[in-house]
Amino acid sequence: MLLLRAAGFGFLWLVSLSSAGGADAPASAAGGAPVVQPVLRSPYPPVSVPLIVVPGNPPLPPAGTPPPPVTIARPPVLTQCDATGCWDSNGMRLNRIGADLASPRGPCNVQGNIASCPP
């Protein structure tokens, strides 16, 4: 006897409840266990799509290549000061103009011992 059982996702299961174990029964049904076979419920047959190869793809870099290191520009630090100005850690002279300091490229913003001068 064949029994159709609905199971979701668009499948039906054919269950054979043959307990006789005759010549036409499968080997797994000989002990009385039901044989389950999925049946696809679709109005169209399955379609095979060929693999599409696109020519001209650039080669990928090797996976083991690390990215270049990131360099962060650090502002110069004031190292020595006198009455007329200061020297910074880059070896540049910052002249004192009133209470402020100025580099050859323009006025500097001083916060503590760090001088931010125009590039």
N, C-alpha and C. Protein backbone atom coordinates (compact mmCIF):
# COMPACT_ATOMS: atom_id res chain seq x y z
N MET A 1 0.85 -1.15 0.00
CA MET A 1 0.00 0.00 0.00
C MET A 1 0.90 1.23 0.00
N LEU A 2 0.54 2.26 -0.79
CA LEU A 2 1.28 3.51 -0.85
C LEU A 2 0.47 4.59 -0.17
N LEU A 3 1.12 5.38 0.60
CA LEU A 3 0.46 6.46 1.32
C LEU A 3 1.22 7.75 1.02
N LEU A 4 0.51 8.82 0.63
CA LEU A 4 1.14 10.12 0.38
C LEU A 4 1.00 10.95 1.64
N ARG A 5 2.11 11.48 2.11
CA ARG A 5 2.10 12.28 3.31
C ARG A 5 2.65 13.67 2.96
N ALA A 6 1.94 14.76 3.30
CA ALA A 6 2.40 16.13 3.01
C ALA A 6 3.38 16.55 4.08
N ALA A 7 4.53 17.12 3.62
CA ALA A 7 5.52 17.58 4.58
C ALA A 7 5.91 18.99 4.20
N GLY A 8 5.98 20.00 4.35
CA GLY A 8 6.21 21.35 3.88
C GLY A 8 7.32 21.47 2.85
N PHE A 9 7.62 22.62 2.43
CA PHE A 9 8.67 22.96 1.48
C PHE A 9 8.41 22.37 0.10
N GLY A 10 7.16 22.08 -0.25
CA GLY A 10 6.84 21.62 -1.59
C GLY A 10 7.20 20.17 -1.86
N PHE A 11 7.38 19.32 -0.84
CA PHE A 11 7.71 17.93 -1.03
C PHE A 11 6.56 17.05 -0.56
N LEU A 12 6.38 15.94 -1.23
CA LEU A 12 5.49 14.87 -0.78
C LEU A 12 6.36 13.66 -0.51
N TRP A 13 5.99 12.91 0.45
CA TRP A 13 6.75 11.70 0.76
C TRP A 13 5.88 10.49 0.44
N LEU A 14 6.45 9.57 -0.34
CA LEU A 14 5.79 8.30 -0.63
C LEU A 14 6.24 7.31 0.42
N VAL A 15 5.31 6.75 1.14
CA VAL A 15 5.65 5.81 2.18
C VAL A 15 5.02 4.47 1.81
N SER A 16 5.84 3.46 1.72
CA SER A 16 5.37 2.12 1.40
C SER A 16 5.17 1.36 2.71
N LEU A 17 3.98 0.91 2.94
CA LEU A 17 3.66 0.20 4.17
C LEU A 17 3.53 -1.30 3.91
N SER A 18 4.35 -1.83 3.03
CA SER A 18 4.30 -3.25 2.71
C SER A 18 4.96 -4.02 3.84
N SER A 19 4.23 -4.91 4.47
CA SER A 19 4.81 -5.70 5.55
C SER A 19 5.00 -7.15 5.13
N ALA A 20 4.60 -7.47 3.90
CA ALA A 20 4.71 -8.86 3.46
C ALA A 20 6.15 -9.22 3.18
N GLY A 21 6.95 -8.29 2.68
CA GLY A 21 8.35 -8.58 2.40
C GLY A 21 8.49 -9.54 1.23
N GLY A 22 7.59 -9.42 0.23
CA GLY A 22 7.63 -10.31 -0.92
C GLY A 22 8.77 -9.95 -1.86
N ALA A 23 8.71 -10.51 -3.06
CA ALA A 23 9.77 -10.29 -4.03
C ALA A 23 9.78 -8.87 -4.55
N ASP A 24 8.61 -8.19 -4.56
CA ASP A 24 8.56 -6.83 -5.08
C ASP A 24 8.87 -5.79 -4.01
N ALA A 25 9.01 -6.16 -2.75
CA ALA A 25 9.28 -5.21 -1.67
C ALA A 25 10.79 -4.97 -1.57
N PRO A 26 11.20 -3.75 -1.30
CA PRO A 26 12.63 -3.47 -1.12
C PRO A 26 13.18 -4.17 0.11
N ALA A 27 14.50 -4.24 0.18
CA ALA A 27 15.14 -4.96 1.28
C ALA A 27 14.87 -4.29 2.62
N SER A 28 14.78 -2.93 2.64
CA SER A 28 14.55 -2.26 3.91
C SER A 28 13.13 -2.44 4.40
N ALA A 29 12.21 -2.87 3.51
CA ALA A 29 10.83 -3.08 3.91
C ALA A 29 10.60 -4.50 4.39
N ALA A 30 11.61 -5.36 4.34
CA ALA A 30 11.44 -6.76 4.72
C ALA A 30 11.10 -6.89 6.20
N GLY A 31 11.61 -5.98 7.03
CA GLY A 31 11.32 -6.05 8.45
C GLY A 31 10.07 -5.28 8.83
N GLY A 32 9.35 -4.72 7.88
CA GLY A 32 8.13 -3.99 8.17
C GLY A 32 8.36 -2.50 8.34
N ALA A 33 9.59 -2.01 8.21
CA ALA A 33 9.86 -0.58 8.33
C ALA A 33 9.41 0.13 7.06
N PRO A 34 8.80 1.29 7.16
CA PRO A 34 8.35 2.00 5.97
C PRO A 34 9.52 2.52 5.14
N VAL A 35 9.37 2.53 3.82
CA VAL A 35 10.37 3.06 2.89
C VAL A 35 9.92 4.47 2.51
N VAL A 36 10.78 5.46 2.72
CA VAL A 36 10.44 6.86 2.46
C VAL A 36 11.22 7.34 1.25
N GLN A 37 10.52 7.89 0.24
CA GLN A 37 11.15 8.43 -0.96
C GLN A 37 10.61 9.84 -1.19
N PRO A 38 11.47 10.88 -1.30
CA PRO A 38 10.96 12.23 -1.56
C PRO A 38 10.51 12.38 -3.01
N VAL A 39 9.43 13.10 -3.22
CA VAL A 39 8.92 13.39 -4.55
C VAL A 39 8.84 14.91 -4.67
N LEU A 40 9.47 15.48 -5.67
CA LEU A 40 9.49 16.92 -5.87
C LEU A 40 8.20 17.36 -6.53
N ARG A 41 7.51 18.32 -5.91
CA ARG A 41 6.29 18.87 -6.48
C ARG A 41 6.63 20.20 -7.12
N SER A 42 6.87 20.19 -8.42
CA SER A 42 7.20 21.40 -9.15
C SER A 42 6.57 21.32 -10.52
N PRO A 43 6.01 22.43 -11.03
CA PRO A 43 5.40 22.38 -12.35
C PRO A 43 6.43 22.32 -13.49
N TYR A 44 7.69 22.59 -13.19
CA TYR A 44 8.73 22.61 -14.21
C TYR A 44 9.83 21.63 -13.84
N PRO A 45 10.48 21.04 -14.83
CA PRO A 45 11.60 20.14 -14.51
C PRO A 45 12.81 20.95 -14.05
N PRO A 46 13.75 20.33 -13.33
CA PRO A 46 14.96 21.05 -12.90
C PRO A 46 15.77 21.50 -14.11
N VAL A 47 16.40 22.66 -13.98
CA VAL A 47 17.18 23.25 -15.07
C VAL A 47 18.64 23.29 -14.64
N SER A 48 19.53 22.85 -15.52
CA SER A 48 20.96 22.94 -15.26
C SER A 48 21.49 24.20 -15.94
N VAL A 49 22.21 25.01 -15.18
CA VAL A 49 22.77 26.25 -15.71
C VAL A 49 24.28 26.06 -15.84
N PRO A 50 24.85 26.32 -17.04
CA PRO A 50 26.30 26.15 -17.19
C PRO A 50 27.06 27.25 -16.46
N LEU A 51 28.29 26.95 -16.09
CA LEU A 51 29.16 27.90 -15.42
C LEU A 51 29.61 28.96 -16.42
N ILE A 52 29.51 30.23 -16.04
CA ILE A 52 29.90 31.33 -16.92
C ILE A 52 31.26 31.83 -16.45
N VAL A 53 32.23 31.84 -17.36
CA VAL A 53 33.58 32.32 -17.06
C VAL A 53 33.75 33.67 -17.74
N VAL A 54 34.05 34.69 -16.95
CA VAL A 54 34.23 36.03 -17.48
C VAL A 54 35.72 36.25 -17.72
N PRO A 55 36.14 36.47 -18.97
CA PRO A 55 37.57 36.68 -19.23
C PRO A 55 38.00 38.08 -18.80
N GLY A 56 39.25 38.22 -18.50
CA GLY A 56 39.81 39.54 -18.23
C GLY A 56 39.77 39.95 -16.77
N ASN A 57 39.49 39.04 -15.84
CA ASN A 57 39.53 39.41 -14.43
C ASN A 57 40.98 39.62 -14.01
N PRO A 58 41.28 40.70 -13.27
CA PRO A 58 42.66 40.91 -12.83
C PRO A 58 43.04 39.86 -11.79
N PRO A 59 44.28 39.45 -11.77
CA PRO A 59 44.69 38.44 -10.78
C PRO A 59 44.66 39.04 -9.38
N LEU A 60 44.28 38.24 -8.42
CA LEU A 60 44.24 38.68 -7.03
C LEU A 60 45.64 38.61 -6.43
N PRO A 61 45.95 39.52 -5.49
CA PRO A 61 47.28 39.46 -4.85
C PRO A 61 47.37 38.22 -3.97
N PRO A 62 48.56 37.73 -3.71
CA PRO A 62 48.70 36.57 -2.83
C PRO A 62 48.13 36.87 -1.45
N ALA A 63 47.58 35.86 -0.82
CA ALA A 63 46.92 36.04 0.47
C ALA A 63 47.90 36.37 1.58
N GLY A 64 49.16 35.99 1.44
CA GLY A 64 50.13 36.19 2.50
C GLY A 64 50.77 37.57 2.52
N THR A 65 50.43 38.47 1.59
CA THR A 65 51.05 39.79 1.53
C THR A 65 50.41 40.70 2.57
N PRO A 66 51.17 41.18 3.56
CA PRO A 66 50.58 42.09 4.56
C PRO A 66 50.42 43.50 3.98
N PRO A 67 49.47 44.26 4.49
CA PRO A 67 49.32 45.64 4.01
C PRO A 67 50.52 46.48 4.46
N PRO A 68 50.78 47.58 3.77
CA PRO A 68 51.91 48.43 4.18
C PRO A 68 51.62 49.05 5.55
N PRO A 69 52.67 49.32 6.32
CA PRO A 69 52.45 49.90 7.65
C PRO A 69 51.89 51.32 7.55
N VAL A 70 51.09 51.67 8.52
CA VAL A 70 50.49 53.00 8.56
C VAL A 70 51.46 53.93 9.29
N THR A 71 51.77 55.05 8.65
CA THR A 71 52.65 56.03 9.30
C THR A 71 51.79 57.20 9.77
N ILE A 72 51.98 57.56 11.01
CA ILE A 72 51.25 58.67 11.61
C ILE A 72 52.25 59.78 11.89
N ALA A 73 52.00 60.95 11.32
CA ALA A 73 52.90 62.09 11.53
C ALA A 73 52.71 62.62 12.96
N ARG A 74 53.79 62.64 13.70
CA ARG A 74 53.76 63.13 15.09
C ARG A 74 54.19 64.58 15.11
N PRO A 75 53.51 65.41 15.90
CA PRO A 75 53.93 66.81 15.99
C PRO A 75 55.26 66.91 16.75
N PRO A 76 56.06 67.90 16.43
CA PRO A 76 57.34 68.05 17.13
C PRO A 76 57.14 68.47 18.59
N VAL A 77 58.07 68.07 19.41
CA VAL A 77 58.04 68.37 20.84
C VAL A 77 59.10 69.44 21.12
N LEU A 78 58.76 70.42 21.96
CA LEU A 78 59.73 71.45 22.34
C LEU A 78 60.76 70.85 23.28
N THR A 79 62.03 71.02 22.93
CA THR A 79 63.09 70.41 23.74
C THR A 79 63.81 71.41 24.63
N GLN A 80 64.21 72.57 24.08
CA GLN A 80 64.92 73.59 24.87
C GLN A 80 64.37 74.95 24.54
N CYS A 81 64.15 75.75 25.52
CA CYS A 81 63.66 77.12 25.31
C CYS A 81 64.58 78.11 26.02
N ASP A 82 64.68 79.30 25.46
CA ASP A 82 65.40 80.42 26.09
C ASP A 82 64.55 81.67 25.94
N ALA A 83 65.09 82.82 26.17
CA ALA A 83 64.33 84.07 26.15
C ALA A 83 63.87 84.44 24.74
N THR A 84 64.55 83.99 23.70
CA THR A 84 64.21 84.40 22.33
C THR A 84 63.44 83.34 21.54
N GLY A 85 63.26 82.13 22.08
CA GLY A 85 62.52 81.11 21.36
C GLY A 85 62.85 79.71 21.86
N CYS A 86 62.46 78.69 21.07
CA CYS A 86 62.64 77.29 21.46
C CYS A 86 63.17 76.48 20.28
N TRP A 87 63.77 75.33 20.62
CA TRP A 87 64.16 74.33 19.65
C TRP A 87 63.16 73.17 19.78
N ASP A 88 62.77 72.60 18.61
CA ASP A 88 61.86 71.45 18.69
C ASP A 88 62.63 70.17 18.41
N SER A 89 61.94 69.02 18.52
CA SER A 89 62.59 67.72 18.36
C SER A 89 63.03 67.45 16.92
N ASN A 90 62.55 68.23 15.94
CA ASN A 90 63.00 68.09 14.55
C ASN A 90 64.23 68.94 14.26
N GLY A 91 64.71 69.71 15.25
CA GLY A 91 65.88 70.55 15.06
C GLY A 91 65.55 71.91 14.48
N MET A 92 64.28 72.30 14.44
CA MET A 92 63.88 73.59 13.88
C MET A 92 63.81 74.62 15.02
N ARG A 93 64.23 75.84 14.71
CA ARG A 93 64.18 76.94 15.67
C ARG A 93 62.83 77.63 15.56
N LEU A 94 62.15 77.78 16.69
CA LEU A 94 60.87 78.48 16.77
C LEU A 94 61.13 79.79 17.52
N ASN A 95 60.95 80.91 16.82
CA ASN A 95 61.23 82.21 17.43
C ASN A 95 60.04 82.68 18.22
N ARG A 96 60.34 83.35 19.34
CA ARG A 96 59.28 83.87 20.19
C ARG A 96 58.85 85.23 19.67
N ILE A 97 57.52 85.37 19.46
CA ILE A 97 56.92 86.63 19.07
C ILE A 97 55.88 86.94 20.13
N GLY A 98 56.23 87.78 21.08
CA GLY A 98 55.36 88.04 22.23
C GLY A 98 55.29 86.77 23.07
N ALA A 99 54.07 86.29 23.33
CA ALA A 99 53.90 85.06 24.11
C ALA A 99 53.82 83.82 23.21
N ASP A 100 53.79 84.03 21.89
CA ASP A 100 53.64 82.92 20.95
C ASP A 100 54.97 82.54 20.33
N LEU A 101 54.96 81.37 19.64
CA LEU A 101 56.13 80.91 18.89
C LEU A 101 55.78 80.86 17.42
N ALA A 102 56.78 81.11 16.56
CA ALA A 102 56.56 81.08 15.11
C ALA A 102 57.71 80.33 14.46
N SER A 103 57.36 79.47 13.51
CA SER A 103 58.37 78.76 12.72
C SER A 103 58.65 79.57 11.47
N PRO A 104 59.60 79.16 10.63
CA PRO A 104 59.82 79.88 9.38
C PRO A 104 58.61 79.84 8.44
N ARG A 105 57.68 78.90 8.65
CA ARG A 105 56.51 78.79 7.78
C ARG A 105 55.27 79.47 8.35
N GLY A 106 55.31 79.97 9.57
CA GLY A 106 54.16 80.67 10.13
C GLY A 106 54.03 80.45 11.63
N PRO A 107 52.99 81.02 12.24
CA PRO A 107 52.80 80.91 13.69
C PRO A 107 52.44 79.48 14.09
N CYS A 108 52.87 79.11 15.30
CA CYS A 108 52.65 77.75 15.81
C CYS A 108 51.64 77.78 16.94
N ASN A 109 50.90 76.70 17.07
CA ASN A 109 49.97 76.51 18.17
C ASN A 109 50.68 75.63 19.19
N VAL A 110 50.88 76.15 20.40
CA VAL A 110 51.63 75.44 21.44
C VAL A 110 50.66 74.98 22.51
N GLN A 111 50.69 73.68 22.82
CA GLN A 111 49.90 73.11 23.92
C GLN A 111 50.85 72.27 24.76
N GLY A 112 51.21 72.77 25.90
CA GLY A 112 52.18 72.08 26.75
C GLY A 112 53.54 72.15 26.09
N ASN A 113 54.15 70.99 25.83
CA ASN A 113 55.45 71.00 25.15
C ASN A 113 55.33 70.51 23.70
N ILE A 114 54.12 70.49 23.14
CA ILE A 114 53.91 70.10 21.74
C ILE A 114 53.60 71.34 20.92
N ALA A 115 54.34 71.53 19.82
CA ALA A 115 54.15 72.68 18.94
C ALA A 115 53.57 72.19 17.61
N SER A 116 52.39 72.68 17.25
CA SER A 116 51.78 72.36 15.97
C SER A 116 51.99 73.54 15.04
N CYS A 117 52.90 73.37 14.10
CA CYS A 117 53.27 74.46 13.17
C CYS A 117 52.73 74.14 11.78
N PRO A 118 52.50 75.15 10.93
CA PRO A 118 52.01 74.88 9.57
C PRO A 118 53.04 74.10 8.76
N PRO A 119 52.58 73.21 7.89
CA PRO A 119 53.54 72.41 7.11
C PRO A 119 54.22 73.21 6.01
